[in-house]
C-alpha atoms as a PDB file:
ATOM      1  CA  LYS A   1     -13.288 -10.800  -5.177  1.00  0.00           C
ATOM      2  CA  ALA A   2     -13.195 -12.784  -1.943  1.00  0.00           C
ATOM      3  CA  ALA A   3     -11.027 -11.562   0.926  1.00  0.00           C
ATOM      4  CA  LYS A   4      -8.139 -13.629   2.189  1.00  0.00           C
ATOM      5  CA  GLU A   5      -5.513 -13.168   4.881  1.00  0.00           C
ATOM      6  CA  HIS A   6      -1.989 -14.168   3.893  1.00  0.00           C
ATOM      7  CA  GLU A   7       0.173 -15.641   6.647  1.00  0.00           C
ATOM      8  CA  VAL A   8       3.836 -14.707   6.865  1.00  0.00           C
ATOM      9  CA  PRO A   9       5.768 -17.858   5.831  1.00  0.00           C
ATOM     10  CA  GLU A  10       8.031 -19.392   8.469  1.00  0.00           C
ATOM     11  CA  ASP A  11      10.861 -19.786   5.957  1.00  0.00           C
ATOM     12  CA  LEU A  12      11.709 -16.173   5.159  1.00  0.00           C
ATOM     13  CA  ASP A  13      14.570 -17.213   2.881  1.00  0.00           C
ATOM     14  CA  LYS A  14      11.909 -18.712   0.613  1.00  0.00           C
ATOM     15  CA  VAL A  15      10.135 -15.335   0.444  1.00  0.00           C
ATOM     16  CA  LEU A  16      13.262 -13.668  -0.967  1.00  0.00           C
ATOM     17  CA  GLU A  17      14.294 -16.592  -3.161  1.00  0.00           C
ATOM     18  CA  ASP A  18      14.945 -15.563  -6.793  1.00  0.00           C
ATOM     19  CA  LYS A  19      14.133 -11.931  -5.997  1.00  0.00           C
ATOM     20  CA  VAL A  20      16.298  -9.121  -7.369  1.00  0.00           C
ATOM     21  CA  MET A  21      16.197  -6.041  -5.156  1.00  0.00           C
ATOM     22  CA  GLN A  22      16.189  -2.335  -5.997  1.00  0.00           C
ATOM     23  CA  THR A  23      16.236   0.755  -3.772  1.00  0.00           C
ATOM     24  CA  ALA A  24      14.422   4.102  -3.888  1.00  0.00           C
ATOM     25  CA  LEU A  25      14.047   6.735  -1.149  1.00  0.00           C
ATOM     26  CA  GLY A  26      15.872   4.377   1.204  1.00  0.00           C
ATOM     27  CA  LEU A  27      13.304   1.607   0.697  1.00  0.00           C
ATOM     28  CA  HIS A  28      14.011  -1.806  -0.790  1.00  0.00           C
ATOM     29  CA  TYR A  29      11.680  -3.431  -3.294  1.00  0.00           C
ATOM     30  CA  VAL A  30      11.694  -6.352  -5.688  1.00  0.00           C
ATOM     31  CA  LYS A  31      12.399  -5.711  -9.352  1.00  0.00           C
ATOM     32  CA  MET A  32       8.993  -6.025 -10.983  1.00  0.00           C
ATOM     33  CA  SER A  33      10.233  -7.244 -14.370  1.00  0.00           C
ATOM     34  CA  VAL A  34      11.866 -10.276 -12.712  1.00  0.00           C
ATOM     35  CA  VAL A  35       8.649 -11.068 -10.813  1.00  0.00           C
ATOM     36  CA  GLU A  36       6.684 -10.807 -14.054  1.00  0.00           C
ATOM     37  CA  MET A  37       9.043 -13.244 -15.769  1.00  0.00           C
ATOM     38  CA  THR A  38       8.648 -15.836 -12.996  1.00  0.00           C
ATOM     39  CA  CYS A  39       4.869 -15.367 -13.036  1.00  0.00           C
ATOM     40  CA  LEU A  40       4.753 -15.964 -16.787  1.00  0.00           C
ATOM     41  CA  ASP A  41       6.467 -19.290 -16.069  1.00  0.00           C
ATOM     42  CA  GLY A  42       3.405 -20.407 -14.116  1.00  0.00           C
ATOM     43  CA  ALA A  43       4.013 -18.994 -10.622  1.00  0.00           C
ATOM     44  CA  ASP A  44       0.920 -16.775 -10.816  1.00  0.00           C
ATOM     45  CA  GLU A  45      -2.271 -18.653  -9.904  1.00  0.00           C
ATOM     46  CA  GLU A  46      -4.478 -15.672 -10.776  1.00  0.00           C
ATOM     47  CA  GLY A  47      -2.907 -15.362 -14.235  1.00  0.00           C
ATOM     48  CA  ILE A  48      -2.873 -11.570 -13.902  1.00  0.00           C
ATOM     49  CA  VAL A  49       0.547 -11.144 -15.517  1.00  0.00           C
ATOM     50  CA  SER A  50      -0.317 -13.014 -18.704  1.00  0.00           C
ATOM     51  CA  LYS A  51      -3.675 -11.190 -18.876  1.00  0.00           C
ATOM     52  CA  SER A  52      -1.952  -7.830 -18.380  1.00  0.00           C
ATOM     53  CA  VAL A  53       0.651  -8.620 -21.048  1.00  0.00           C
ATOM     54  CA  SER A  54      -1.896  -9.902 -23.574  1.00  0.00           C
ATOM     55  CA  SER A  55      -4.202  -6.911 -23.082  1.00  0.00           C
ATOM     56  CA  HIS A  56      -1.299  -4.392 -23.015  1.00  0.00           C
ATOM     57  CA  SER A  57      -2.835  -2.845 -19.899  1.00  0.00           C
ATOM     58  CA  ASP A  58      -1.764  -2.061 -16.327  1.00  0.00           C
ATOM     59  CA  LEU A  59      -5.424  -2.144 -15.264  1.00  0.00           C
ATOM     60  CA  ILE A  60      -8.082  -4.760 -15.963  1.00  0.00           C
ATOM     61  CA  PRO A  61     -11.114  -3.874 -13.790  1.00  0.00           C
ATOM     62  CA  GLY A  62     -12.213  -6.788 -11.627  1.00  0.00           C
ATOM     63  CA  VAL A  63      -9.141  -8.815 -12.643  1.00  0.00           C
ATOM     64  CA  TYR A  64      -5.962  -6.824 -12.033  1.00  0.00           C
ATOM     65  CA  GLU A  65      -5.775  -3.415 -10.365  1.00  0.00           C
ATOM     66  CA  GLY A  66      -2.210  -2.309 -11.130  1.00  0.00           C
ATOM     67  CA  GLY A  67      -0.397  -3.624  -8.046  1.00  0.00           C
ATOM     68  CA  MET A  68       2.636  -4.884  -9.953  1.00  0.00           C
ATOM     69  CA  LYS A  69       3.744  -1.345 -10.742  1.00  0.00           C
ATOM     70  CA  ILE A  70       4.906   1.412  -8.377  1.00  0.00           C
ATOM     71  CA  TRP A  71       2.924   4.475  -9.420  1.00  0.00           C
ATOM     72  CA  GLU A  72       4.463   7.941  -9.106  1.00  0.00           C
ATOM     73  CA  CYS A  73       1.972   9.222  -6.512  1.00  0.00           C
ATOM     74  CA  THR A  74       3.342   6.665  -4.065  1.00  0.00           C
ATOM     75  CA  TYR A  75       6.661   8.512  -4.058  1.00  0.00           C
ATOM     76  CA  ASP A  76       4.800  11.837  -3.710  1.00  0.00           C
ATOM     77  CA  LEU A  77       3.081  10.567  -0.579  1.00  0.00           C
ATOM     78  CA  ILE A  78       6.290   9.135   0.906  1.00  0.00           C
ATOM     79  CA  ARG A  79       7.949  12.529   0.496  1.00  0.00           C
ATOM     80  CA  TYR A  80       4.952  14.331   1.981  1.00  0.00           C
ATOM     81  CA  LEU A  81       4.863  12.065   5.051  1.00  0.00           C
ATOM     82  CA  SER A  82       8.491  12.985   5.695  1.00  0.00           C
ATOM     83  CA  GLU A  83       8.087  16.723   4.970  1.00  0.00           C
ATOM     84  CA  ALA A  84       4.949  17.029   7.114  1.00  0.00           C
ATOM     85  CA  GLU A  85       6.570  14.947   9.863  1.00  0.00           C
ATOM     86  CA  ILE A  86       3.557  12.647  10.131  1.00  0.00           C
ATOM     87  CA  GLN A  87       4.031  10.619  13.313  1.00  0.00           C
ATOM     88  CA  PHE A  88       3.507   6.848  13.170  1.00  0.00           C
ATOM     89  CA  THR A  89       4.811   5.953  16.641  1.00  0.00           C
ATOM     90  CA  ASN A  90       2.372   3.541  18.347  1.00  0.00           C
ATOM     91  CA  LYS A  91      -0.208   4.075  15.568  1.00  0.00           C
ATOM     92  CA  THR A  92      -2.296   1.441  13.822  1.00  0.00           C
ATOM     93  CA  VAL A  93      -1.855   1.888  10.064  1.00  0.00           C
ATOM     94  CA  LEU A  94      -3.470   0.494   6.904  1.00  0.00           C
ATOM     95  CA  ASP A  95      -1.755   0.613   3.499  1.00  0.00           C
ATOM     96  CA  LEU A  96      -4.869   0.385   1.304  1.00  0.00           C
ATOM     97  CA  GLY A  97      -4.344  -0.770  -2.273  1.00  0.00           C
ATOM     98  CA  CYS A  98      -0.768  -1.331  -1.183  1.00  0.00           C
ATOM     99  CA  GLY A  99       0.884  -2.813  -4.282  1.00  0.00           C
ATOM    100  CA  ALA A 100       4.584  -2.828  -3.389  1.00  0.00           C
ATOM    101  CA  GLY A 101       3.719  -1.864   0.197  1.00  0.00           C
ATOM    102  CA  LEU A 102       6.168   1.039   0.374  1.00  0.00           C
ATOM    103  CA  LEU A 103       3.763   3.307   2.291  1.00  0.00           C
ATOM    104  CA  GLY A 104       3.206   0.678   4.967  1.00  0.00           C
ATOM    105  CA  ILE A 105       6.962   0.066   5.153  1.00  0.00           C
ATOM    106  CA  VAL A 106       7.468   3.798   5.830  1.00  0.00           C
ATOM    107  CA  ALA A 107       4.980   3.450   8.710  1.00  0.00           C
ATOM    108  CA  LEU A 108       6.920   0.455  10.057  1.00  0.00           C
ATOM    109  CA  LYS A 109      10.141   2.459   9.922  1.00  0.00           C
ATOM    110  CA  GLY A 110       8.304   5.171  11.835  1.00  0.00           C
ATOM    111  CA  LYS A 111       7.630   2.773  14.744  1.00  0.00           C
ATOM    112  CA  ALA A 112       3.965   2.080  14.025  1.00  0.00           C
ATOM    113  CA  GLU A 113       2.408  -0.406  16.443  1.00  0.00           C
ATOM    114  CA  LYS A 114       0.580  -2.349  13.701  1.00  0.00           C
ATOM    115  CA  VAL A 115       0.664  -2.130   9.919  1.00  0.00           C
ATOM    116  CA  HIS A 116      -1.810  -3.933   7.689  1.00  0.00           C
ATOM    117  CA  PHE A 117      -1.396  -4.255   3.919  1.00  0.00           C
ATOM    118  CA  GLN A 118      -4.268  -4.752   1.450  1.00  0.00           C
ATOM    119  CA  ASP A 119      -4.204  -5.295  -2.296  1.00  0.00           C
ATOM    120  CA  TYR A 120      -6.881  -6.509  -4.692  1.00  0.00           C
ATOM    121  CA  ASN A 121      -4.672  -9.318  -6.010  1.00  0.00           C
ATOM    122  CA  SER A 122      -3.299 -12.201  -3.948  1.00  0.00           C
ATOM    123  CA  THR A 123      -0.401 -12.545  -6.419  1.00  0.00           C
ATOM    124  CA  VAL A 124       0.704  -8.993  -5.575  1.00  0.00           C
ATOM    125  CA  ILE A 125       0.680  -9.712  -1.816  1.00  0.00           C
ATOM    126  CA  ASP A 126       2.606 -12.999  -2.144  1.00  0.00           C
ATOM    127  CA  LYS A 127       5.111 -12.072  -4.843  1.00  0.00           C
ATOM    128  CA  ILE A 128       5.713  -8.367  -4.144  1.00  0.00           C
ATOM    129  CA  THR A 129       4.323  -6.923  -0.889  1.00  0.00           C
ATOM    130  CA  LEU A 130       5.480  -9.681   1.472  1.00  0.00           C
ATOM    131  CA  PRO A 131       8.997  -9.911  -0.033  1.00  0.00           C
ATOM    132  CA  ASN A 132       9.347  -6.123   0.195  1.00  0.00           C
ATOM    133  CA  VAL A 133       8.385  -6.056   3.877  1.00  0.00           C
ATOM    134  CA  VAL A 134      10.805  -8.915   4.587  1.00  0.00           C
ATOM    135  CA  ALA A 135      13.609  -7.222   2.596  1.00  0.00           C
ATOM    136  CA  ASN A 136      13.152  -4.006   4.572  1.00  0.00           C
ATOM    137  CA  SER A 137      13.295  -5.974   7.812  1.00  0.00           C
ATOM    138  CA  VAL A 138      16.661  -7.565   7.007  1.00  0.00           C
ATOM    139  CA  HIS A 139      19.361  -6.500   9.465  1.00  0.00           C
ATOM    140  CA  GLU A 140      21.462  -4.710   6.880  1.00  0.00           C
ATOM    141  CA  GLY A 141      21.864  -0.957   6.911  1.00  0.00           C
ATOM    142  CA  GLN A 142      18.952   0.866   8.496  1.00  0.00           C
ATOM    143  CA  ARG A 143      16.798  -1.142  10.893  1.00  0.00           C
ATOM    144  CA  MET A 144      13.058  -0.996  11.288  1.00  0.00           C
ATOM    145  CA  GLY A 145      11.931   1.553  13.833  1.00  0.00           C
ATOM    146  CA  SER A 146      14.627   4.130  13.217  1.00  0.00           C
ATOM    147  CA  GLY A 147      12.004   6.516  11.858  1.00  0.00           C
ATOM    148  CA  ASP A 148      14.316   8.051   9.250  1.00  0.00           C
ATOM    149  CA  ASN A 149      12.459   7.908   5.941  1.00  0.00           C
ATOM    150  CA  SER A 150      14.589  10.360   4.037  1.00  0.00           C
ATOM    151  CA  ARG A 151      18.098   8.925   3.982  1.00  0.00           C
ATOM    152  CA  ALA A 152      18.995   6.075   1.727  1.00  0.00           C
ATOM    153  CA  SER A 153      20.190   3.076   3.688  1.00  0.00           C
ATOM    154  CA  LYS A 154      22.492   0.351   2.503  1.00  0.00           C
ATOM    155  CA  PRO A 155      20.452  -1.901   0.202  1.00  0.00           C
ATOM    156  CA  PRO A 156      20.358  -5.628   0.727  1.00  0.00           C
ATOM    157  CA  SER A 157      22.487  -7.630  -1.663  1.00  0.00           C
ATOM    158  CA  LYS A 158      20.945  -8.075  -5.102  1.00  0.00           C
ATOM    159  CA  LYS A 159      19.895 -11.563  -4.062  1.00  0.00           C
ATOM    160  CA  PRO A 160      19.825 -11.790  -0.248  1.00  0.00           C
ATOM    161  CA  ARG A 161      21.370 -15.106   0.794  1.00  0.00           C
ATOM    162  CA  LYS A 162      20.081 -15.155   4.324  1.00  0.00           C
ATOM    163  CA  ALA A 163      16.932 -13.476   5.627  1.00  0.00           C
ATOM    164  CA  GLU A 164      17.941 -12.452   9.124  1.00  0.00           C
ATOM    165  CA  CYS A 165      14.747 -10.529   9.715  1.00  0.00           C
ATOM    166  CA  SER A 166      13.356  -8.591  12.603  1.00  0.00           C
ATOM    167  CA  SER A 167      10.583 -10.818  13.923  1.00  0.00           C
ATOM    168  CA  ASP A 168       9.309  -7.789  15.845  1.00  0.00           C
ATOM    169  CA  ALA A 169       8.669  -5.880  12.617  1.00  0.00           C
ATOM    170  CA  LEU A 170       6.940  -8.798  10.910  1.00  0.00           C
ATOM    171  CA  ALA A 171       4.856  -9.555  14.017  1.00  0.00           C
ATOM    172  CA  LYS A 172       3.310  -6.094  13.607  1.00  0.00           C
ATOM    173  CA  CYS A 173       2.102  -6.877  10.075  1.00  0.00           C
ATOM    174  CA  ARG A 174      -0.954  -8.524   8.559  1.00  0.00           C
ATOM    175  CA  PHE A 175      -1.553  -8.996   4.835  1.00  0.00           C
ATOM    176  CA  PHE A 176      -4.883  -9.175   3.003  1.00  0.00           C
ATOM    177  CA  SER A 177      -6.058  -9.581  -0.587  1.00  0.00           C
ATOM    178  CA  GLY A 178      -9.524  -9.065  -2.032  1.00  0.00           C
ATOM    179  CA  GLU A 179     -11.828  -6.179  -2.743  1.00  0.00           C
ATOM    180  CA  TRP A 180     -12.214  -3.449  -0.135  1.00  0.00           C
ATOM    181  CA  SER A 181     -15.730  -4.312   1.066  1.00  0.00           C
ATOM    182  CA  ARG A 182     -14.831  -7.975   1.538  1.00  0.00           C
ATOM    183  CA  VAL A 183     -11.608  -7.149   3.412  1.00  0.00           C
ATOM    184  CA  SER A 184     -13.535  -4.768   5.700  1.00  0.00           C
ATOM    185  CA  GLN A 185     -16.053  -7.508   6.408  1.00  0.00           C
ATOM    186  CA  LEU A 186     -13.259  -9.996   7.142  1.00  0.00           C
ATOM    187  CA  LEU A 187     -11.549  -7.621   9.581  1.00  0.00           C
ATOM    188  CA  LEU A 188     -14.711  -6.541  11.398  1.00  0.00           C
ATOM    189  CA  SER A 189     -16.095 -10.077  11.767  1.00  0.00           C
ATOM    190  CA  SER A 190     -12.801 -11.822  12.592  1.00  0.00           C
ATOM    191  CA  SER A 191     -12.223 -13.528  15.924  1.00  0.00           C
ATOM    192  CA  LYS A 192      -8.787 -11.868  15.948  1.00  0.00           C
ATOM    193  CA  ALA A 193      -8.595  -8.615  17.915  1.00  0.00           C
ATOM    194  CA  PHE A 194      -9.065  -5.623  15.621  1.00  0.00           C
ATOM    195  CA  SER A 195      -8.836  -1.921  16.380  1.00  0.00           C
ATOM    196  CA  LYS A 196      -9.703   0.712  13.807  1.00  0.00           C
ATOM    197  CA  TYR A 197      -6.876   2.505  12.021  1.00  0.00           C
ATOM    198  CA  ASP A 198      -5.314   5.737  13.252  1.00  0.00           C
ATOM    199  CA  ILE A 199      -3.858   6.313   9.777  1.00  0.00           C
ATOM    200  CA  ILE A 200      -4.892   4.977   6.360  1.00  0.00           C
ATOM    201  CA  LEU A 201      -2.414   5.523   3.506  1.00  0.00           C
ATOM    202  CA  THR A 202      -3.541   5.083  -0.089  1.00  0.00           C
ATOM    203  CA  SER A 203      -2.138   6.059  -3.468  1.00  0.00           C
ATOM    204  CA  GLU A 204      -3.662   6.094  -6.966  1.00  0.00           C
ATOM    205  CA  THR A 205      -6.851   4.372  -5.820  1.00  0.00           C
ATOM    206  CA  ILE A 206      -9.392   6.908  -7.138  1.00  0.00           C
ATOM    207  CA  TYR A 207      -8.862   6.500 -10.877  1.00  0.00           C
ATOM    208  CA  ASN A 208     -12.261   4.793 -11.322  1.00  0.00           C
ATOM    209  CA  PRO A 209     -15.354   6.762 -10.188  1.00  0.00           C
ATOM    210  CA  ASP A 210     -17.350   3.507 -10.079  1.00  0.00           C
ATOM    211  CA  CYS A 211     -15.259   2.503  -7.035  1.00  0.00           C
ATOM    212  CA  TYR A 212     -15.734   5.711  -5.033  1.00  0.00           C
ATOM    213  CA  GLY A 213     -18.652   4.312  -3.037  1.00  0.00           C
ATOM    214  CA  ALA A 214     -16.726   1.195  -2.026  1.00  0.00           C
ATOM    215  CA  LEU A 215     -13.641   3.209  -1.092  1.00  0.00           C
ATOM    216  CA  HIS A 216     -15.651   5.776   0.884  1.00  0.00           C
ATOM    217  CA  ASP A 217     -17.527   3.043   2.786  1.00  0.00           C
ATOM    218  CA  THR A 218     -14.296   1.204   3.552  1.00  0.00           C
ATOM    219  CA  LEU A 219     -12.712   4.352   4.972  1.00  0.00           C
ATOM    220  CA  ALA A 220     -15.869   5.049   7.018  1.00  0.00           C
ATOM    221  CA  GLN A 221     -15.879   1.503   8.432  1.00  0.00           C
ATOM    222  CA  LEU A 222     -12.179   1.134   9.195  1.00  0.00           C
ATOM    223  CA  LEU A 223     -10.918   4.592  10.194  1.00  0.00           C
ATOM    224  CA  ASP A 224     -10.781   5.453  13.887  1.00  0.00           C
ATOM    225  CA  GLU A 225     -13.083   8.327  14.871  1.00  0.00           C
ATOM    226  CA  ASN A 226     -10.060  10.629  15.240  1.00  0.00           C
ATOM    227  CA  GLY A 227      -8.018   8.994  12.475  1.00  0.00           C
ATOM    228  CA  ARG A 228      -6.604  10.486   9.283  1.00  0.00           C
ATOM    229  CA  VAL A 229      -6.465   9.301   5.673  1.00  0.00           C
ATOM    230  CA  TYR A 230      -3.601  10.458   3.460  1.00  0.00           C
ATOM    231  CA  LEU A 231      -4.489   9.929  -0.188  1.00  0.00           C
ATOM    232  CA  ALA A 232      -2.248  10.620  -3.192  1.00  0.00           C
ATOM    233  CA  SER A 233      -3.723  11.013  -6.652  1.00  0.00           C
ATOM    234  CA  LYS A 234      -3.370  12.581 -10.047  1.00  0.00           C
ATOM    235  CA  VAL A 235      -5.662  15.557 -10.576  1.00  0.00           C
ATOM    236  CA  ILE A 236      -7.274  13.714 -13.476  1.00  0.00           C
ATOM    237  CA  TYR A 237      -6.960  10.205 -14.892  1.00  0.00           C
ATOM    238  CA  PHE A 238      -7.353  10.634 -18.642  1.00  0.00           C
ATOM    239  CA  GLY A 239      -9.336   7.877 -20.307  1.00  0.00           C
ATOM    240  CA  VAL A 240     -10.626   6.481 -17.003  1.00  0.00           C
ATOM    241  CA  GLY A 241     -12.596   9.411 -15.628  1.00  0.00           C
ATOM    242  CA  GLY A 242     -11.506   9.745 -12.016  1.00  0.00           C
ATOM    243  CA  GLY A 243      -9.435  12.378 -10.250  1.00  0.00           C
ATOM    244  CA  ILE A 244      -8.869  14.288  -7.035  1.00  0.00           C
ATOM    245  CA  TYR A 245     -11.564  16.940  -7.500  1.00  0.00           C
ATOM    246  CA  ASP A 246     -14.210  14.383  -8.476  1.00  0.00           C
ATOM    247  CA  PHE A 247     -13.442  12.412  -5.331  1.00  0.00           C
ATOM    248  CA  GLU A 248     -13.456  15.606  -3.252  1.00  0.00           C
ATOM    249  CA  LYS A 249     -16.953  16.386  -4.589  1.00  0.00           C
ATOM    250  CA  PHE A 250     -18.057  12.800  -3.845  1.00  0.00           C
ATOM    251  CA  ILE A 251     -16.870  13.183  -0.222  1.00  0.00           C
ATOM    252  CA  GLU A 252     -18.742  16.480   0.158  1.00  0.00           C
ATOM    253  CA  GLU A 253     -21.968  14.908  -1.118  1.00  0.00           C
ATOM    254  CA  ARG A 254     -21.737  12.001   1.326  1.00  0.00           C
ATOM    255  CA  ASN A 255     -21.253  14.455   4.227  1.00  0.00           C
ATOM    256  CA  VAL A 256     -19.349  11.964   6.410  1.00  0.00           C
ATOM    257  CA  PHE A 257     -15.795  13.258   6.009  1.00  0.00           C
ATOM    258  CA  ARG A 258     -14.064  16.590   5.645  1.00  0.00           C
ATOM    259  CA  SER A 259     -11.154  16.789   3.230  1.00  0.00           C
ATOM    260  CA  SER A 260      -8.383  19.209   2.362  1.00  0.00           C
ATOM    261  CA  ILE A 261      -5.704  19.212  -0.318  1.00  0.00           C
ATOM    262  CA  VAL A 262      -2.466  19.577   1.631  1.00  0.00           C
ATOM    263  CA  LYS A 263       0.015  19.498  -1.237  1.00  0.00           C
ATOM    264  CA  VAL A 264      -0.013  20.049  -4.996  1.00  0.00           C
ATOM    265  CA  ILE A 265       2.804  18.681  -7.182  1.00  0.00           C
ATOM    266  CA  ASN A 266       3.063  20.483 -10.518  1.00  0.00           C
ATOM    267  CA  LYS A 267       5.998  18.546 -11.961  1.00  0.00           C
ATOM    268  CA  GLY A 268       4.718  16.625 -14.980  1.00  0.00           C
ATOM    269  CA  LEU A 269       1.050  15.633 -14.746  1.00  0.00           C
ATOM    270  CA  GLN A 270      -0.428  17.573 -11.808  1.00  0.00           C
ATOM    271  CA  ARG A 271      -0.810  15.494  -8.662  1.00  0.00           C
ATOM    272  CA  CYS A 272      -2.154  16.098  -5.151  1.00  0.00           C
ATOM    273  CA  ILE A 273      -2.056  14.846  -1.590  1.00  0.00           C
ATOM    274  CA  MET A 274      -5.398  14.924   0.217  1.00  0.00           C
ATOM    275  CA  GLU A 275      -6.027  14.590   3.960  1.00  0.00           C
ATOM    276  CA  VAL A 276      -9.392  13.133   5.003  1.00  0.00           C
ATOM    277  CA  ALA A 277     -10.960  12.951   8.484  1.00  0.00           C
ATOM    278  CA  PHE A 278     -14.421  12.471   9.951  1.00  0.00           C
ATOM    279  CA  LYS A 279     -16.398  15.729  10.088  1.00  0.00           C
ATOM    280  CA  ASP A 280     -16.837  15.549  13.845  1.00  0.00           C
ATOM    281  CA  SER A 281     -13.277  14.399  14.645  1.00  0.00           C
ATOM    282  CA  SER A 282     -10.858  16.369  16.785  1.00  0.00           C
END
């Protein structure tokens, strides 16, 4: 799938138009069911919503990669970033396979210098990620850059009337759709200044072993030599074949990165947080 950069629209009110907002862990996000309804009315050029509905599936490989749902490991990783006091100040951050973009928004709240968002589907970026970043930049309740990820802030009104957004926060952001290898190529060959990422955040992106090579190569190409990847995953994805230990083995075989499991969540289906860094990094 070709890579594409999505520009932030000048009319931010338009971005939040017809959006119904919800709040979790102090972060604001659009109500997915409302987005799905508008997409079924023809606002989805990729047709991923109708295909997902007709196939009764949250994943259609090569068509739709689950970005219109917030998966539970995303919340695990948000909590871990707070507990471990991961510092984002002045860092360059990538939210890889971003979906709703909540991980990247946490980095923005933590005073990151730049935050880039990538999702496979352009519909997800336009209809979900971008509105969520704008909604969390609205000057209501907690402002961007306060660095407090744990307290719930006052949510925006159910339907924000006026998007009085922090241009500083949005100026730090870039948004991309397309498959990982194509997005890497776009970034590395662009005439725009690009510095490799200090931190890459990714959640529920290792469910398909067929994609491990592409993910590994993307991390190797885009991570700064002393950077860190924080990856959240289920231990095993039943019916799909992937899981944290399979990916850990894949990393060992490639011999480029070192990895460690820094947290295990035993509530419900077992889940893990993994930290990844180059073998020769400090």
